[in-house]
Amino acid sequence: MGKGTAKNLVGQPIFKQIVKIIPRDKFDALVIQCKSDRYYKTFFSWEQLISLLFGIFSRCDSMGEVCDGMRALAGKLNYLGLEESPAQSTAGDALRNRNEELFRLFYFALIAHFSPL
């Protein structure tokens, strides 16, 4: 590899495949309905969902572990649609302050979406 060559992952990681089948349009409609991004400038609901899923699949026990794990991936987060790992304090604040209603409604929307399968 020469200088300036971007490092890309070969193939598609399983986590990207899972994120890809999530109906983003339904999630965005619920974000607007619940107004969950109203007071956030940098850490939006979609990024929180990706961070939470990353933590579940990585078996992390705390938000610090999630942020450190995502930070360790550095430039490879682009396959998830994230430019950088969230700051631990920002992610922690979102967990404490963002209303969980969005994620509850999205859970039931996913069940309705995938029930025919």
N, C-alpha and C. Protein backbone atom coordinates (compact mmCIF):
# COMPACT_ATOMS: atom_id res chain seq x y z
N MET A 1 0.84 -1.19 0.00
CA MET A 1 0.00 0.00 0.00
C MET A 1 0.87 1.24 0.00
N GLY A 2 0.55 2.15 -0.85
CA GLY A 2 1.30 3.40 -0.92
C GLY A 2 0.78 4.41 0.07
N LYS A 3 1.46 5.52 0.11
CA LYS A 3 1.03 6.60 1.01
C LYS A 3 -0.30 7.17 0.54
N GLY A 4 -1.10 7.56 1.49
CA GLY A 4 -2.39 8.19 1.17
C GLY A 4 -3.47 7.19 0.78
N THR A 5 -3.17 5.92 0.85
CA THR A 5 -4.17 4.91 0.52
C THR A 5 -5.06 4.69 1.73
N ALA A 6 -6.35 4.81 1.52
CA ALA A 6 -7.29 4.63 2.63
C ALA A 6 -7.41 3.15 2.96
N LYS A 7 -7.47 2.85 4.25
CA LYS A 7 -7.66 1.47 4.68
C LYS A 7 -9.15 1.20 4.77
N ASN A 8 -9.61 0.26 4.00
CA ASN A 8 -11.01 -0.12 4.03
C ASN A 8 -11.11 -1.59 4.44
N LEU A 9 -12.20 -1.91 5.09
CA LEU A 9 -12.42 -3.30 5.46
C LEU A 9 -12.77 -4.10 4.22
N VAL A 10 -12.28 -5.30 4.15
CA VAL A 10 -12.59 -6.19 3.04
C VAL A 10 -13.94 -6.83 3.33
N GLY A 11 -14.82 -6.81 2.35
CA GLY A 11 -16.14 -7.38 2.57
C GLY A 11 -16.98 -6.50 3.48
N GLN A 12 -18.03 -7.04 3.98
CA GLN A 12 -18.89 -6.31 4.91
C GLN A 12 -18.93 -7.03 6.25
N PRO A 13 -18.55 -6.34 7.31
CA PRO A 13 -18.63 -6.95 8.64
C PRO A 13 -20.09 -7.29 8.97
N ILE A 14 -20.26 -8.28 9.83
CA ILE A 14 -21.61 -8.72 10.20
C ILE A 14 -22.40 -7.58 10.82
N PHE A 15 -21.73 -6.77 11.63
CA PHE A 15 -22.43 -5.65 12.28
C PHE A 15 -22.99 -4.69 11.23
N LYS A 16 -22.26 -4.44 10.17
CA LYS A 16 -22.76 -3.55 9.11
C LYS A 16 -23.96 -4.18 8.43
N GLN A 17 -23.94 -5.47 8.23
CA GLN A 17 -25.06 -6.15 7.60
C GLN A 17 -26.32 -6.03 8.46
N ILE A 18 -26.15 -6.13 9.77
CA ILE A 18 -27.29 -6.00 10.68
C ILE A 18 -27.84 -4.58 10.65
N VAL A 19 -26.93 -3.60 10.69
CA VAL A 19 -27.35 -2.20 10.66
C VAL A 19 -28.05 -1.88 9.33
N LYS A 20 -27.60 -2.52 8.27
CA LYS A 20 -28.14 -2.25 6.94
C LYS A 20 -29.60 -2.69 6.81
N ILE A 21 -30.00 -3.74 7.53
CA ILE A 21 -31.39 -4.21 7.41
C ILE A 21 -32.35 -3.47 8.33
N ILE A 22 -31.84 -2.60 9.18
CA ILE A 22 -32.72 -1.81 10.05
C ILE A 22 -33.43 -0.77 9.19
N PRO A 23 -34.76 -0.70 9.28
CA PRO A 23 -35.51 0.27 8.47
C PRO A 23 -35.28 1.70 8.97
N ARG A 24 -34.32 2.37 8.35
CA ARG A 24 -33.92 3.72 8.78
C ARG A 24 -35.06 4.72 8.63
N ASP A 25 -35.88 4.57 7.59
CA ASP A 25 -36.98 5.52 7.39
C ASP A 25 -37.99 5.47 8.53
N LYS A 26 -38.26 4.28 9.05
CA LYS A 26 -39.17 4.16 10.20
C LYS A 26 -38.53 4.77 11.45
N PHE A 27 -37.23 4.57 11.60
CA PHE A 27 -36.54 5.14 12.76
C PHE A 27 -36.58 6.67 12.69
N ASP A 28 -36.29 7.22 11.51
CA ASP A 28 -36.30 8.68 11.35
C ASP A 28 -37.69 9.27 11.60
N ALA A 29 -38.73 8.56 11.17
CA ALA A 29 -40.10 9.04 11.42
C ALA A 29 -40.39 9.07 12.92
N LEU A 30 -39.91 8.07 13.64
CA LEU A 30 -40.13 8.05 15.09
C LEU A 30 -39.31 9.12 15.80
N VAL A 31 -38.12 9.41 15.27
CA VAL A 31 -37.30 10.49 15.85
C VAL A 31 -38.05 11.81 15.75
N ILE A 32 -38.67 12.05 14.60
CA ILE A 32 -39.44 13.29 14.41
C ILE A 32 -40.66 13.28 15.32
N GLN A 33 -41.34 12.15 15.40
CA GLN A 33 -42.54 12.04 16.23
C GLN A 33 -42.22 12.27 17.71
N CYS A 34 -41.14 11.68 18.20
CA CYS A 34 -40.78 11.78 19.62
C CYS A 34 -39.94 13.02 19.93
N LYS A 35 -39.47 13.71 18.89
CA LYS A 35 -38.61 14.89 19.03
C LYS A 35 -37.38 14.58 19.89
N SER A 36 -36.78 13.42 19.65
CA SER A 36 -35.67 12.99 20.49
C SER A 36 -34.34 13.66 20.16
N ASP A 37 -34.23 14.30 19.00
CA ASP A 37 -32.99 15.01 18.65
C ASP A 37 -33.08 16.51 18.91
N ARG A 38 -34.13 16.90 19.58
CA ARG A 38 -34.42 18.33 19.74
C ARG A 38 -33.31 19.10 20.46
N TYR A 39 -32.75 18.56 21.50
CA TYR A 39 -31.76 19.29 22.30
C TYR A 39 -30.33 18.81 22.09
N TYR A 40 -30.09 18.02 21.05
CA TYR A 40 -28.77 17.46 20.82
C TYR A 40 -28.16 18.03 19.55
N LYS A 41 -26.90 18.45 19.64
CA LYS A 41 -26.22 19.05 18.50
C LYS A 41 -25.25 18.08 17.82
N THR A 42 -24.73 17.13 18.57
CA THR A 42 -23.71 16.26 17.99
C THR A 42 -24.05 14.78 18.08
N PHE A 43 -24.70 14.33 19.12
CA PHE A 43 -24.96 12.90 19.33
C PHE A 43 -26.44 12.63 19.11
N PHE A 44 -26.77 12.27 17.87
CA PHE A 44 -28.17 12.11 17.50
C PHE A 44 -28.67 10.71 17.84
N SER A 45 -29.95 10.50 17.72
CA SER A 45 -30.58 9.24 18.11
C SER A 45 -30.02 8.05 17.33
N TRP A 46 -29.78 8.23 16.03
CA TRP A 46 -29.24 7.14 15.23
C TRP A 46 -27.86 6.73 15.73
N GLU A 47 -27.03 7.71 16.08
CA GLU A 47 -25.70 7.42 16.60
C GLU A 47 -25.79 6.71 17.95
N GLN A 48 -26.78 7.07 18.75
CA GLN A 48 -26.97 6.39 20.02
C GLN A 48 -27.40 4.95 19.79
N LEU A 49 -28.29 4.72 18.84
CA LEU A 49 -28.71 3.36 18.53
C LEU A 49 -27.53 2.51 18.08
N ILE A 50 -26.70 3.06 17.19
CA ILE A 50 -25.52 2.33 16.70
C ILE A 50 -24.58 2.04 17.86
N SER A 51 -24.38 3.01 18.74
CA SER A 51 -23.49 2.82 19.89
C SER A 51 -24.03 1.73 20.82
N LEU A 52 -25.33 1.74 21.06
CA LEU A 52 -25.93 0.74 21.94
C LEU A 52 -25.84 -0.66 21.32
N LEU A 53 -26.09 -0.76 20.02
CA LEU A 53 -25.97 -2.05 19.35
C LEU A 53 -24.53 -2.54 19.35
N PHE A 54 -23.59 -1.61 19.14
CA PHE A 54 -22.17 -1.96 19.19
C PHE A 54 -21.82 -2.52 20.57
N GLY A 55 -22.32 -1.87 21.61
CA GLY A 55 -22.06 -2.33 22.97
C GLY A 55 -22.64 -3.70 23.24
N ILE A 56 -23.83 -3.97 22.71
CA ILE A 56 -24.46 -5.27 22.91
C ILE A 56 -23.66 -6.36 22.19
N PHE A 57 -23.32 -6.12 20.93
CA PHE A 57 -22.60 -7.14 20.16
C PHE A 57 -21.16 -7.31 20.63
N SER A 58 -20.60 -6.28 21.24
CA SER A 58 -19.23 -6.37 21.75
C SER A 58 -19.18 -6.84 23.20
N ARG A 59 -20.35 -7.02 23.80
CA ARG A 59 -20.47 -7.44 25.20
C ARG A 59 -19.79 -6.48 26.16
N CYS A 60 -20.02 -5.21 25.94
CA CYS A 60 -19.46 -4.18 26.81
C CYS A 60 -20.35 -4.03 28.04
N ASP A 61 -19.73 -3.69 29.16
CA ASP A 61 -20.46 -3.54 30.41
C ASP A 61 -20.76 -2.10 30.78
N SER A 62 -20.09 -1.16 30.13
CA SER A 62 -20.31 0.25 30.47
C SER A 62 -20.19 1.09 29.21
N MET A 63 -20.68 2.31 29.31
CA MET A 63 -20.59 3.21 28.16
C MET A 63 -19.13 3.58 27.90
N GLY A 64 -18.31 3.58 28.94
CA GLY A 64 -16.88 3.82 28.74
C GLY A 64 -16.25 2.76 27.85
N GLU A 65 -16.62 1.50 28.08
CA GLU A 65 -16.10 0.41 27.25
C GLU A 65 -16.58 0.55 25.81
N VAL A 66 -17.85 0.95 25.64
CA VAL A 66 -18.39 1.14 24.29
C VAL A 66 -17.60 2.22 23.55
N CYS A 67 -17.41 3.36 24.19
CA CYS A 67 -16.69 4.47 23.56
C CYS A 67 -15.24 4.11 23.29
N ASP A 68 -14.61 3.42 24.22
CA ASP A 68 -13.21 3.00 24.01
C ASP A 68 -13.12 1.99 22.87
N GLY A 69 -14.07 1.05 22.81
CA GLY A 69 -14.07 0.07 21.73
C GLY A 69 -14.28 0.72 20.38
N MET A 70 -15.17 1.69 20.32
CA MET A 70 -15.41 2.39 19.06
C MET A 70 -14.21 3.26 18.70
N ARG A 71 -13.58 3.83 19.71
CA ARG A 71 -12.39 4.66 19.46
C ARG A 71 -11.25 3.79 18.92
N ALA A 72 -11.17 2.54 19.38
CA ALA A 72 -10.12 1.63 18.92
C ALA A 72 -10.28 1.30 17.44
N LEU A 73 -11.52 1.36 16.95
CA LEU A 73 -11.75 1.11 15.53
C LEU A 73 -11.32 2.28 14.65
N ALA A 74 -11.15 3.42 15.25
CA ALA A 74 -10.68 4.64 14.58
C ALA A 74 -11.36 4.88 13.25
N GLY A 75 -10.64 4.81 12.15
CA GLY A 75 -11.18 5.15 10.84
C GLY A 75 -12.12 4.12 10.26
N LYS A 76 -12.30 3.00 10.94
CA LYS A 76 -13.16 1.95 10.40
C LYS A 76 -14.63 2.14 10.78
N LEU A 77 -14.94 3.24 11.45
CA LEU A 77 -16.33 3.50 11.82
C LEU A 77 -17.15 4.01 10.64
N ASN A 78 -16.47 4.36 9.55
CA ASN A 78 -17.20 4.90 8.41
C ASN A 78 -18.18 3.88 7.84
N TYR A 79 -17.93 2.60 8.02
CA TYR A 79 -18.88 1.60 7.51
C TYR A 79 -20.17 1.60 8.31
N LEU A 80 -20.18 2.21 9.48
CA LEU A 80 -21.40 2.33 10.28
C LEU A 80 -22.09 3.67 10.08
N GLY A 81 -21.48 4.54 9.30
CA GLY A 81 -22.06 5.85 9.08
C GLY A 81 -21.68 6.85 10.15
N LEU A 82 -20.67 6.54 10.95
CA LEU A 82 -20.19 7.45 11.99
C LEU A 82 -18.84 8.00 11.59
N GLU A 83 -18.63 9.27 11.85
CA GLU A 83 -17.34 9.87 11.52
C GLU A 83 -16.32 9.63 12.62
N GLU A 84 -16.79 9.59 13.85
CA GLU A 84 -15.88 9.37 14.99
C GLU A 84 -16.65 8.75 16.14
N SER A 85 -15.90 8.22 17.08
CA SER A 85 -16.50 7.64 18.27
C SER A 85 -17.08 8.75 19.15
N PRO A 86 -18.24 8.50 19.77
CA PRO A 86 -18.79 9.53 20.64
C PRO A 86 -17.95 9.70 21.90
N ALA A 87 -17.92 10.89 22.43
CA ALA A 87 -17.24 11.13 23.69
C ALA A 87 -18.02 10.42 24.80
N GLN A 88 -17.30 9.91 25.76
CA GLN A 88 -17.93 9.15 26.84
C GLN A 88 -18.95 10.00 27.60
N SER A 89 -18.63 11.24 27.86
CA SER A 89 -19.55 12.10 28.61
C SER A 89 -20.80 12.41 27.79
N THR A 90 -20.65 12.62 26.49
CA THR A 90 -21.79 12.90 25.63
C THR A 90 -22.71 11.70 25.54
N ALA A 91 -22.13 10.52 25.36
CA ALA A 91 -22.93 9.29 25.28
C ALA A 91 -23.62 9.01 26.61
N GLY A 92 -22.93 9.24 27.71
CA GLY A 92 -23.53 9.04 29.03
C GLY A 92 -24.67 9.99 29.29
N ASP A 93 -24.50 11.25 28.89
CA ASP A 93 -25.57 12.24 29.04
C ASP A 93 -26.79 11.84 28.22
N ALA A 94 -26.57 11.35 27.01
CA ALA A 94 -27.69 10.94 26.17
C ALA A 94 -28.43 9.76 26.79
N LEU A 95 -27.68 8.83 27.38
CA LEU A 95 -28.34 7.69 28.03
C LEU A 95 -29.19 8.13 29.21
N ARG A 96 -28.70 9.09 29.94
CA ARG A 96 -29.45 9.57 31.12
C ARG A 96 -30.62 10.46 30.73
N ASN A 97 -30.44 11.32 29.74
CA ASN A 97 -31.41 12.38 29.50
C ASN A 97 -32.38 12.13 28.35
N ARG A 98 -31.99 11.35 27.36
CA ARG A 98 -32.88 11.13 26.22
C ARG A 98 -34.01 10.19 26.63
N ASN A 99 -35.20 10.54 26.21
CA ASN A 99 -36.38 9.76 26.55
C ASN A 99 -36.31 8.39 25.86
N GLU A 100 -36.58 7.35 26.60
CA GLU A 100 -36.50 6.00 26.05
C GLU A 100 -37.71 5.63 25.20
N GLU A 101 -38.68 6.51 25.12
CA GLU A 101 -39.90 6.26 24.35
C GLU A 101 -39.58 5.95 22.88
N LEU A 102 -38.61 6.63 22.31
CA LEU A 102 -38.21 6.39 20.92
C LEU A 102 -37.81 4.94 20.72
N PHE A 103 -36.97 4.42 21.57
CA PHE A 103 -36.45 3.07 21.42
C PHE A 103 -37.53 2.02 21.71
N ARG A 104 -38.46 2.34 22.60
CA ARG A 104 -39.57 1.43 22.87
C ARG A 104 -40.46 1.34 21.63
N LEU A 105 -40.80 2.49 21.05
CA LEU A 105 -41.64 2.49 19.85
C LEU A 105 -40.93 1.82 18.67
N PHE A 106 -39.62 2.04 18.57
CA PHE A 106 -38.87 1.44 17.46
C PHE A 106 -38.80 -0.08 17.62
N TYR A 107 -38.73 -0.57 18.83
CA TYR A 107 -38.73 -2.00 19.08
C TYR A 107 -40.00 -2.63 18.50
N PHE A 108 -41.15 -2.02 18.79
CA PHE A 108 -42.41 -2.55 18.27
C PHE A 108 -42.52 -2.36 16.76
N ALA A 109 -41.93 -1.29 16.24
CA ALA A 109 -41.92 -1.09 14.79
C ALA A 109 -41.07 -2.17 14.10
N LEU A 110 -39.97 -2.57 14.74
CA LEU A 110 -39.15 -3.65 14.19
C LEU A 110 -39.90 -4.98 14.20
N ILE A 111 -40.62 -5.24 15.27
CA ILE A 111 -41.41 -6.47 15.33
C ILE A 111 -42.44 -6.49 14.20
N ALA A 112 -43.12 -5.38 13.99
CA ALA A 112 -44.12 -5.30 12.91
C ALA A 112 -43.46 -5.43 11.53
N HIS A 113 -42.28 -4.84 11.39
CA HIS A 113 -41.57 -4.86 10.11
C HIS A 113 -41.08 -6.27 9.76
N PHE A 114 -40.55 -6.98 10.74
CA PHE A 114 -39.97 -8.30 10.48
C PHE A 114 -40.91 -9.47 10.74
N SER A 115 -42.12 -9.22 11.22
CA SER A 115 -43.03 -10.31 11.52
C SER A 115 -43.40 -11.16 10.29
N PRO A 116 -43.50 -10.59 9.09
CA PRO A 116 -43.78 -11.46 7.93
C PRO A 116 -42.67 -12.48 7.65
N LEU A 117 -41.46 -12.19 8.12
CA LEU A 117 -40.36 -13.12 7.87
C LEU A 117 -40.43 -14.28 8.81
